[in-house]
């Protein structure tokens, strides 16, 4: 009786783990090659100072799709990350901007609860709730850059 219970628990746990991978994905993060320094000045340790960084371009992303086990890759979603200045009325702030390939990102972010439509065009954005509230954005809002 105990062996059956253990086997059933093990099978149930395996299914739970498989479901979690399906929901959140087994992710591999690829970052650009960087050279960095660890320095000390006046007893203060300064680490992670980047001295050079190679960029990853879309040709490199396509190489990922050609690896030996590429059939096991469900999505490759490169990101271009930067900081942008937004302004609306009295509100002005720097915000994190993340450029993505929408179709690929949507495959990876299945848990996102999006009001409205997922952006598909190069001129569309998906704003987080806090930024949307501060900029008085509604679903489907259209704004022209200053």
Protein backbone atom coordinates (compact mmCIF):
# COMPACT_ATOMS: atom_id res chain seq x y z
CA UNK A 1 0.00 0.00 0.00
CA UNK A 2 2.79 2.46 0.81
CA UNK A 3 4.59 1.72 -2.46
CA UNK A 4 1.46 2.51 -4.45
CA UNK A 5 0.99 5.78 -2.55
CA UNK A 6 4.60 6.79 -3.17
CA UNK A 7 4.33 5.95 -6.88
CA UNK A 8 1.10 7.91 -7.24
CA UNK A 9 2.63 10.87 -5.41
CA UNK A 10 5.71 10.71 -7.62
CA UNK A 11 3.60 10.60 -10.81
CA UNK A 12 1.45 13.45 -9.52
CA UNK A 13 4.54 15.54 -8.70
CA UNK A 14 6.05 14.82 -12.14
CA UNK A 15 2.83 16.07 -13.75
CA UNK A 16 2.87 19.20 -11.55
CA UNK A 17 6.46 19.93 -12.58
CA UNK A 18 5.63 19.36 -16.25
CA UNK A 19 2.63 21.70 -15.92
CA UNK A 20 4.83 24.37 -14.30
CA UNK A 21 7.31 24.14 -17.17
CA UNK A 22 4.43 24.45 -19.63
CA UNK A 23 3.13 27.51 -17.81
CA UNK A 24 6.37 29.32 -16.96
CA UNK A 25 8.81 27.62 -19.28
CA UNK A 26 12.30 26.29 -18.86
CA UNK A 27 14.21 29.44 -19.69
CA UNK A 28 17.73 30.00 -20.88
CA UNK A 29 18.99 33.56 -20.73
CA UNK A 30 21.70 34.57 -23.18
CA UNK A 31 23.48 37.84 -22.45
CA UNK A 32 26.17 39.70 -24.37
CA UNK A 33 29.80 38.98 -23.58
CA UNK A 34 31.12 41.65 -21.26
CA UNK A 35 34.45 42.57 -19.73
CA UNK A 36 34.23 44.06 -16.27
CA UNK A 37 36.46 45.26 -13.49
CA UNK A 38 36.32 44.94 -9.74
CA UNK A 39 37.92 47.97 -8.18
CA UNK A 40 38.49 49.28 -4.68
CA UNK A 41 38.75 52.96 -3.84
CA UNK A 42 39.14 54.29 -0.31
CA UNK A 43 38.02 51.00 1.18
CA UNK A 44 34.87 50.92 -0.95
CA UNK A 45 34.58 47.94 -3.26
CA UNK A 46 33.26 48.80 -6.69
CA UNK A 47 32.36 45.71 -8.66
CA UNK A 48 30.60 45.03 -11.89
CA UNK A 49 31.99 48.01 -13.78
CA UNK A 50 31.50 47.10 -17.43
CA UNK A 51 34.44 48.10 -19.62
CA UNK A 52 33.19 46.61 -22.88
CA UNK A 53 30.19 44.71 -24.16
CA UNK A 54 29.50 42.89 -27.39
CA UNK A 55 26.01 43.30 -28.81
CA UNK A 56 23.75 40.41 -29.67
CA UNK A 57 22.06 41.02 -33.00
CA UNK A 58 19.13 39.34 -34.75
CA UNK A 59 21.52 37.17 -36.80
CA UNK A 60 22.75 35.69 -33.51
CA UNK A 61 19.14 35.08 -32.47
CA UNK A 62 18.52 33.11 -35.67
CA UNK A 63 21.58 30.97 -34.88
CA UNK A 64 19.82 29.88 -31.67
CA UNK A 65 17.04 28.43 -33.81
CA UNK A 66 19.57 26.28 -35.68
CA UNK A 67 21.06 24.40 -32.72
CA UNK A 68 20.93 20.60 -32.65
CA UNK A 69 17.82 20.39 -30.43
CA UNK A 70 16.00 23.34 -31.96
CA UNK A 71 12.78 21.30 -32.20
CA UNK A 72 12.60 21.59 -28.41
CA UNK A 73 12.62 25.40 -28.52
CA UNK A 74 9.12 26.82 -28.34
CA UNK A 75 10.08 30.51 -28.38
CA UNK A 76 13.10 32.76 -28.71
CA UNK A 77 12.31 36.24 -27.53
CA UNK A 78 15.15 38.76 -27.72
CA UNK A 79 14.77 41.97 -25.75
CA UNK A 80 16.11 45.45 -26.34
CA UNK A 81 16.18 47.14 -22.93
CA UNK A 82 16.61 50.84 -22.28
CA UNK A 83 15.35 53.82 -20.36
CA UNK A 84 12.95 56.35 -21.83
CA UNK A 85 11.49 59.64 -20.74
CA UNK A 86 7.68 59.86 -20.60
CA UNK A 87 5.63 62.95 -19.97
CA UNK A 88 1.93 63.65 -19.68
CA UNK A 89 0.58 66.80 -18.06
CA UNK A 90 2.42 67.28 -14.77
CA UNK A 91 3.80 63.74 -14.76
CA UNK A 92 7.32 63.25 -16.09
CA UNK A 93 9.46 60.23 -15.35
CA UNK A 94 12.05 57.84 -16.65
CA UNK A 95 10.61 54.39 -17.32
CA UNK A 96 12.03 51.06 -18.33
CA UNK A 97 11.41 50.32 -21.99
CA UNK A 98 11.64 46.77 -23.31
CA UNK A 99 11.41 46.13 -27.03
CA UNK A 100 10.26 42.62 -27.94
CA UNK A 101 9.03 40.53 -30.83
CA UNK A 102 5.39 40.39 -29.77
CA UNK A 103 4.51 36.96 -31.14
CA UNK A 104 7.46 35.34 -29.35
CA UNK A 105 6.99 37.24 -26.10
CA UNK A 106 3.34 36.25 -25.92
CA UNK A 107 4.35 32.56 -26.03
CA UNK A 108 6.58 33.12 -22.99
CA UNK A 109 4.26 35.33 -20.93
CA UNK A 110 1.13 33.17 -20.91
CA UNK A 111 0.30 34.24 -17.35
CA UNK A 112 0.09 37.97 -18.19
CA UNK A 113 -3.40 39.33 -17.56
CA UNK A 114 -3.73 41.90 -20.33
CA UNK A 115 -6.66 44.26 -20.68
CA UNK A 116 -7.19 44.97 -24.36
CA UNK A 117 -5.13 43.49 -27.16
CA UNK A 118 -1.53 42.33 -27.13
CA UNK A 119 0.53 44.77 -29.24
CA UNK A 120 1.35 43.47 -32.70
CA UNK A 121 2.58 46.52 -34.61
CA UNK A 122 5.91 48.32 -34.41
CA UNK A 123 4.04 51.45 -33.30
CA UNK A 124 2.18 49.83 -30.39
CA UNK A 125 3.09 49.50 -26.72
CA UNK A 126 1.97 47.54 -23.73
CA UNK A 127 2.02 49.82 -20.68
CA UNK A 128 2.07 48.54 -17.14
CA UNK A 129 -0.80 49.57 -14.88
CA UNK A 130 1.22 52.15 -12.89
CA UNK A 131 2.55 53.93 -16.00
CA UNK A 132 -0.86 53.73 -17.72
CA UNK A 133 -2.53 55.34 -14.69
CA UNK A 134 0.05 58.14 -14.44
CA UNK A 135 -0.14 58.86 -18.17
CA UNK A 136 -3.95 58.65 -18.20
CA UNK A 137 -3.83 55.87 -20.79
CA UNK A 138 -6.94 53.86 -21.49
CA UNK A 139 -7.18 50.62 -23.43
CA UNK A 140 -6.64 51.50 -27.07
CA UNK A 141 -5.30 54.99 -26.30
CA UNK A 142 -3.41 56.65 -29.10
CA UNK A 143 -0.64 59.11 -28.26
CA UNK A 144 1.80 60.86 -30.51
CA UNK A 145 5.37 61.38 -29.23
CA UNK A 146 6.38 64.94 -28.38
